[in-house]
Amino acid sequence: MRAFDYAAPKSLNEAVSLLSRRGDRARVLSGGTDLIVQVREKRRDLDLMVDVKNIPELSEIRYEPAAGLALGASVACSRIYEHPVVSRVYPGLVDAAFLIGGIQIQNRASLGGNLCNASPAADSIPALIAHRAICVIAGPNGGRELPVEQFCVAPGRNALQAGELLVSFRIPAPPPRFGANYIRFIPRNEMDIAVVGCGASLTLREDLKTIAEARVALGAVAPTPLLVAEAASALSGSAFSSESVDRAAIACQAAARPITDMRGTAEYRRHLVGVLTRRALLKAFERAQEAANAR
């Protein structure tokens, strides 16, 4: 590992200033479970590592029933699924947080770091999309917001501009009768990278059968994670049934642009898209009904 500088700013302004001065030669250290490995293996070359864990905004979890969830970009996965409110209100996020590495990794890894790494197979991204998460970004020109589905622009590349960093996620409070799920397929436990991932959310009408709103997102089947609007259109306004779920699954298969690699062929991945879409929607539907009955 080549020598580099290390800084641990305590404010957003200080972090932005450091990143702006060093440009492409600086990188943000959040959990470090990706970055440190990349630097050690010489896949990432840098002059400055900016540790942002001492900045309060990046480590907060704040939930208000009306405003929703403010989730700091550096919040460790284990804090998400151990939080009594978040674990109940945002089930798709909990599904994803449980799948990012093992317990030791989950005590360090963050959803913000997982997103910024911009892997097409990242587990957190379809779940964040299903929950309508918005990225809160700080930079030298001030703050801005961006939907999660627009954050990744290519494999390993994100929408952050020079001097910017991801501060937090703003995630709306789920409406009544809401359920979400994230599910993935891996060939074996030792290969902890999704061959296909699917995040889905449903909001039901008062009859607990008709779908008022839906969101379906896919991972590992395109250069960036996909929000499949056609799947939502196939579901919204329809009764939850095998026919409506099949329409959504077919729409997801049509939207997918998988490749063939050592973990599976494109044809295999497209088949899995249909299977996982059906399973994720079924679990989201079950959770939506449970949420309605719990009120």
Protein backbone atom coordinates (compact mmCIF):
# COMPACT_ATOMS: atom_id res chain seq x y z
CA MET A 1 0.00 0.00 0.00
CA ARG A 2 1.41 3.38 -1.00
CA ALA A 3 1.61 6.11 1.66
CA PHE A 4 -1.19 8.70 1.69
CA ASP A 5 -2.45 11.49 3.95
CA TYR A 6 -5.31 11.02 6.41
CA ALA A 7 -7.72 13.64 7.73
CA ALA A 8 -10.70 13.37 10.09
CA PRO A 9 -12.73 16.59 9.77
CA LYS A 10 -15.46 17.38 12.27
CA SER A 11 -17.68 19.52 10.05
CA LEU A 12 -19.13 19.38 6.56
CA ASN A 13 -17.41 22.62 5.57
CA GLU A 14 -14.02 21.22 6.57
CA ALA A 15 -14.64 17.98 4.65
CA VAL A 16 -15.77 19.82 1.52
CA SER A 17 -12.70 22.08 1.71
CA LEU A 18 -10.34 19.09 1.93
CA LEU A 19 -12.05 17.29 -0.95
CA SER A 20 -12.06 20.42 -3.10
CA ARG A 21 -8.34 21.07 -2.59
CA ARG A 22 -7.25 17.52 -3.43
CA GLY A 23 -9.78 16.85 -6.21
CA ASP A 24 -9.62 13.36 -7.71
CA ARG A 25 -6.71 12.46 -5.45
CA ALA A 26 -8.95 12.48 -2.36
CA ARG A 27 -11.54 9.90 -1.33
CA VAL A 28 -14.10 9.77 1.48
CA LEU A 29 -13.63 7.06 4.12
CA SER A 30 -16.98 6.05 5.61
CA GLY A 31 -17.03 2.40 6.67
CA GLY A 32 -13.98 1.65 4.55
CA THR A 33 -14.97 -1.91 3.72
CA ASP A 34 -14.61 -1.21 -0.01
CA LEU A 35 -12.14 1.68 -0.10
CA ILE A 36 -9.44 0.15 2.11
CA VAL A 37 -9.49 -3.08 0.11
CA GLN A 38 -9.25 -1.14 -3.16
CA VAL A 39 -6.26 0.87 -1.91
CA ARG A 40 -4.49 -2.17 -0.48
CA GLU A 41 -4.90 -4.06 -3.75
CA LYS A 42 -3.75 -0.98 -5.73
CA ARG A 43 -7.05 -0.72 -7.57
CA ARG A 44 -7.52 2.78 -6.16
CA ASP A 45 -4.73 5.36 -6.06
CA LEU A 46 -5.13 8.41 -3.80
CA ASP A 47 -3.21 11.06 -1.89
CA LEU A 48 -5.76 11.79 0.85
CA MET A 49 -8.31 9.72 2.74
CA VAL A 50 -10.98 11.87 4.39
CA ASP A 51 -12.57 10.06 7.35
CA VAL A 52 -16.07 11.52 7.78
CA LYS A 53 -17.31 9.49 10.75
CA ASN A 54 -16.75 12.42 13.15
CA ILE A 55 -19.21 14.64 11.25
CA PRO A 56 -22.55 14.54 13.12
CA GLU A 57 -24.79 14.76 10.04
CA LEU A 58 -23.25 11.63 8.55
CA SER A 59 -23.83 9.48 11.64
CA GLU A 60 -27.35 10.45 12.67
CA ILE A 61 -30.55 8.43 12.59
CA ARG A 62 -33.58 10.66 13.06
CA TYR A 63 -37.16 9.56 12.44
CA GLU A 64 -40.29 11.68 12.61
CA PRO A 65 -43.68 10.21 11.61
CA ALA A 66 -44.52 13.17 9.39
CA ALA A 67 -41.11 13.95 7.91
CA GLY A 68 -39.77 10.40 7.65
CA LEU A 69 -36.20 9.20 8.15
CA ALA A 70 -32.95 11.15 8.01
CA LEU A 71 -30.26 8.49 7.71
CA GLY A 72 -26.62 9.55 7.77
CA ALA A 73 -24.50 8.20 4.95
CA SER A 74 -21.99 6.71 7.43
CA VAL A 75 -24.49 4.92 9.66
CA ALA A 76 -23.37 1.30 10.00
CA CYS A 77 -25.69 -1.43 8.72
CA SER A 78 -25.98 -2.97 12.19
CA ARG A 79 -27.37 0.29 13.59
CA ILE A 80 -30.11 0.19 10.97
CA TYR A 81 -31.47 -3.26 11.77
CA GLU A 82 -30.98 -2.79 15.52
CA HIS A 83 -32.95 0.47 15.54
CA PRO A 84 -36.45 -0.29 16.91
CA VAL A 85 -38.29 2.17 14.66
CA VAL A 86 -36.27 1.81 11.46
CA SER A 87 -36.41 -1.99 11.61
CA ARG A 88 -40.21 -1.82 11.82
CA VAL A 89 -40.98 1.02 9.41
CA TYR A 90 -38.40 0.40 6.66
CA PRO A 91 -38.28 -3.38 6.16
CA GLY A 92 -36.59 -3.27 2.75
CA LEU A 93 -33.62 -1.38 4.19
CA VAL A 94 -33.29 -3.98 6.94
CA ASP A 95 -33.34 -6.79 4.36
CA ALA A 96 -30.44 -5.17 2.53
CA ALA A 97 -28.46 -4.25 5.65
CA PHE A 98 -28.54 -7.89 6.80
CA LEU A 99 -27.02 -9.01 3.47
CA ILE A 100 -24.05 -6.66 3.19
CA GLY A 101 -21.20 -8.93 4.30
CA GLY A 102 -21.08 -10.69 7.66
CA ILE A 103 -21.66 -9.33 11.15
CA GLN A 104 -18.17 -7.81 11.40
CA ILE A 105 -18.61 -6.01 8.08
CA GLN A 106 -22.10 -4.82 9.07
CA ASN A 107 -20.62 -3.07 12.10
CA ARG A 108 -18.56 -0.91 9.73
CA ALA A 109 -20.21 -0.86 6.30
CA SER A 110 -22.77 1.85 5.55
CA LEU A 111 -25.54 2.24 2.99
CA GLY A 112 -23.94 5.50 1.91
CA GLY A 113 -20.62 3.84 1.21
CA ASN A 114 -22.35 0.97 -0.57
CA LEU A 115 -24.15 3.47 -2.81
CA CYS A 116 -21.08 5.63 -3.52
CA ASN A 117 -19.11 2.55 -4.56
CA ALA A 118 -21.70 2.33 -7.37
CA SER A 119 -21.48 -1.39 -7.97
CA PRO A 120 -24.30 -2.58 -10.26
CA ALA A 121 -24.76 -5.48 -7.81
CA ALA A 122 -24.88 -3.38 -4.61
CA ASP A 123 -27.52 -4.74 -2.22
CA SER A 124 -28.55 -1.42 -0.70
CA ILE A 125 -29.48 0.40 -3.90
CA PRO A 126 -32.64 -1.47 -5.02
CA ALA A 127 -33.90 -1.32 -1.43
CA LEU A 128 -33.26 2.43 -1.19
CA ILE A 129 -35.03 2.95 -4.51
CA ALA A 130 -38.01 0.89 -3.34
CA HIS A 131 -38.27 3.18 -0.30
CA ARG A 132 -38.03 6.35 -2.47
CA ALA A 133 -34.79 7.52 -0.86
CA ILE A 134 -33.34 10.90 -1.78
CA CYS A 135 -29.59 11.62 -1.57
CA VAL A 136 -28.61 14.76 0.36
CA ILE A 137 -25.30 16.06 -1.05
CA ALA A 138 -22.97 18.81 0.16
CA GLY A 139 -20.32 20.54 -1.94
CA PRO A 140 -18.44 23.75 -2.61
CA ASN A 141 -21.47 25.23 -4.38
CA GLY A 142 -23.88 24.37 -1.56
CA GLY A 143 -26.26 21.51 -1.06
CA ARG A 144 -28.42 19.59 -3.50
CA GLU A 145 -30.66 16.53 -3.56
CA LEU A 146 -30.87 13.65 -6.01
CA PRO A 147 -33.09 10.54 -6.13
CA VAL A 148 -31.10 7.39 -5.46
CA GLU A 149 -32.07 5.94 -8.84
CA GLN A 150 -30.16 8.81 -10.52
CA PHE A 151 -27.03 8.59 -8.37
CA CYS A 152 -25.11 5.81 -10.16
CA VAL A 153 -24.05 6.78 -13.67
CA ALA A 154 -21.85 3.79 -14.66
CA PRO A 155 -20.19 0.81 -12.98
CA GLY A 156 -18.04 2.27 -10.20
CA ARG A 157 -19.03 5.85 -11.05
CA ASN A 158 -21.53 8.12 -9.30
CA ALA A 159 -23.01 11.57 -9.78
CA LEU A 160 -20.90 13.35 -7.16
CA GLN A 161 -19.09 16.37 -8.57
CA ALA A 162 -15.70 17.75 -7.56
CA GLY A 163 -15.56 18.47 -3.84
CA GLU A 164 -18.95 16.92 -3.10
CA LEU A 165 -19.84 14.19 -0.61
CA LEU A 166 -22.97 12.25 0.23
CA VAL A 167 -24.24 13.47 3.60
CA SER A 168 -27.42 11.50 4.22
CA PHE A 169 -30.57 9.96 2.86
CA ARG A 170 -33.98 11.55 3.18
CA ILE A 171 -36.53 8.73 3.12
CA PRO A 172 -40.28 9.50 3.27
CA ALA A 173 -42.41 8.01 6.00
CA PRO A 174 -44.27 5.04 4.49
CA PRO A 175 -47.99 5.55 4.00
CA PRO A 176 -50.53 3.25 5.67
CA ARG A 177 -50.71 -0.29 4.27
CA PHE A 178 -47.13 -0.20 3.00
CA GLY A 179 -44.75 -3.12 2.61
CA ALA A 180 -41.30 -3.56 1.08
CA ASN A 181 -38.77 -6.30 0.49
CA TYR A 182 -35.29 -6.79 -0.90
CA ILE A 183 -34.18 -10.20 -2.10
CA ARG A 184 -31.17 -11.42 -4.03
CA PHE A 185 -29.73 -14.60 -5.50
CA ILE A 186 -26.11 -15.67 -4.98
CA PRO A 187 -24.64 -18.94 -6.33
CA ARG A 188 -23.20 -19.89 -2.94
CA ASN A 189 -22.59 -18.23 0.42
CA GLU A 190 -18.86 -17.91 -0.26
CA MET A 191 -19.53 -15.65 -3.27
CA ASP A 192 -21.28 -12.73 -1.58
CA ILE A 193 -22.19 -10.77 -4.71
CA ALA A 194 -25.71 -10.70 -6.11
CA VAL A 195 -26.29 -12.41 -9.45
CA VAL A 196 -29.65 -10.62 -9.43
CA GLY A 197 -31.19 -8.39 -6.77
CA CYS A 198 -34.74 -7.06 -6.55
CA GLY A 199 -36.28 -4.42 -4.30
CA ALA A 200 -40.04 -3.94 -4.30
CA SER A 201 -42.58 -1.87 -2.38
CA LEU A 202 -46.36 -1.78 -2.42
CA THR A 203 -49.00 0.47 -0.93
CA LEU A 204 -52.46 -1.08 -0.73
CA ARG A 205 -55.87 0.53 -0.77
CA GLU A 206 -58.24 0.10 2.14
CA ASP A 207 -59.59 -3.20 0.78
CA LEU A 208 -56.07 -4.62 1.33
CA LYS A 209 -56.17 -6.19 -2.12
CA THR A 210 -55.85 -3.38 -4.64
CA ILE A 211 -52.44 -1.83 -5.26
CA ALA A 212 -52.42 1.95 -4.91
CA GLU A 213 -48.71 2.43 -5.66
CA ALA A 214 -45.77 0.20 -6.49
CA ARG A 215 -42.03 0.45 -7.06
CA VAL A 216 -39.71 -2.26 -8.36
CA ALA A 217 -35.93 -1.91 -8.69
CA LEU A 218 -33.33 -4.34 -10.01
CA GLY A 219 -29.63 -4.82 -9.32
CA ALA A 220 -26.85 -6.70 -11.14
CA VAL A 221 -28.67 -6.80 -14.49
CA ALA A 222 -27.54 -3.51 -16.08
CA PRO A 223 -24.61 -1.08 -15.84
CA THR A 224 -26.49 0.70 -13.05
CA PRO A 225 -29.38 -0.34 -10.77
CA LEU A 226 -32.74 0.06 -12.48
CA LEU A 227 -36.06 1.53 -11.40
CA VAL A 228 -38.58 -0.29 -13.61
CA ALA A 229 -41.45 2.13 -14.18
CA GLU A 230 -43.21 -0.37 -16.46
CA ALA A 231 -43.49 -2.83 -13.57
CA ALA A 232 -45.15 -0.18 -11.40
CA SER A 233 -47.58 0.61 -14.20
CA ALA A 234 -48.46 -3.07 -14.51
CA LEU A 235 -49.36 -3.19 -10.81
CA SER A 236 -50.87 0.18 -9.86
CA GLY A 237 -54.65 0.14 -9.75
CA SER A 238 -54.82 -3.64 -10.10
CA ALA A 239 -55.74 -6.27 -7.57
CA PHE A 240 -52.75 -8.16 -6.26
CA SER A 241 -52.90 -11.47 -8.12
CA SER A 242 -50.71 -13.93 -9.94
CA GLU A 243 -51.68 -12.20 -13.20
CA SER A 244 -50.66 -8.70 -12.09
CA VAL A 245 -47.43 -10.00 -10.56
CA ASP A 246 -46.66 -11.88 -13.78
CA ARG A 247 -47.12 -8.66 -15.76
CA ALA A 248 -44.67 -6.89 -13.48
CA ALA A 249 -42.17 -9.74 -13.72
CA ILE A 250 -42.33 -9.70 -17.52
CA ALA A 251 -41.82 -5.93 -17.51
CA CYS A 252 -38.72 -6.36 -15.33
CA GLN A 253 -37.33 -9.05 -17.60
CA ALA A 254 -37.80 -6.74 -20.58
CA ALA A 255 -36.03 -3.86 -18.80
CA ALA A 256 -33.05 -5.96 -17.69
CA ARG A 257 -29.83 -5.75 -19.70
CA PRO A 258 -27.76 -8.54 -18.14
CA ILE A 259 -24.33 -9.76 -19.19
CA THR A 260 -22.73 -13.18 -19.10
CA ASP A 261 -19.87 -13.57 -16.64
CA MET A 262 -18.41 -16.14 -14.24
CA ARG A 263 -21.46 -15.87 -11.97
CA GLY A 264 -24.11 -16.58 -14.59
CA THR A 265 -25.23 -16.19 -18.16
CA ALA A 266 -27.40 -13.36 -19.39
CA GLU A 267 -30.22 -15.83 -20.07
CA TYR A 268 -29.95 -17.21 -16.52
CA ARG A 269 -30.03 -13.72 -15.03
CA ARG A 270 -33.08 -12.75 -17.06
CA HIS A 271 -34.88 -15.87 -15.77
CA LEU A 272 -33.90 -14.97 -12.21
CA VAL A 273 -35.28 -11.46 -12.66
CA GLY A 274 -38.74 -12.95 -13.14
CA VAL A 275 -38.38 -15.31 -10.19
CA LEU A 276 -37.08 -12.68 -7.75
CA THR A 277 -39.57 -10.03 -8.85
CA ARG A 278 -42.44 -12.39 -8.04
CA ARG A 279 -40.94 -13.33 -4.66
CA ALA A 280 -40.15 -9.74 -3.66
CA LEU A 281 -43.64 -8.55 -4.57
CA LEU A 282 -45.26 -11.39 -2.66
CA LYS A 283 -43.25 -10.57 0.47
CA ALA A 284 -43.97 -6.84 0.09
CA PHE A 285 -47.68 -7.64 -0.22
CA GLU A 286 -47.59 -9.79 2.93
CA ARG A 287 -45.84 -7.02 4.84
CA ALA A 288 -48.31 -4.40 3.62
CA GLN A 289 -51.19 -6.48 4.94
CA GLU A 290 -49.37 -7.03 8.23
CA ALA A 291 -48.77 -3.29 8.55
CA ALA A 292 -52.48 -2.61 8.01
CA ASN A 293 -53.52 -5.18 10.58
CA ALA A 294 -51.03 -3.81 13.11
CA ARG A 295 -52.55 -0.31 13.10
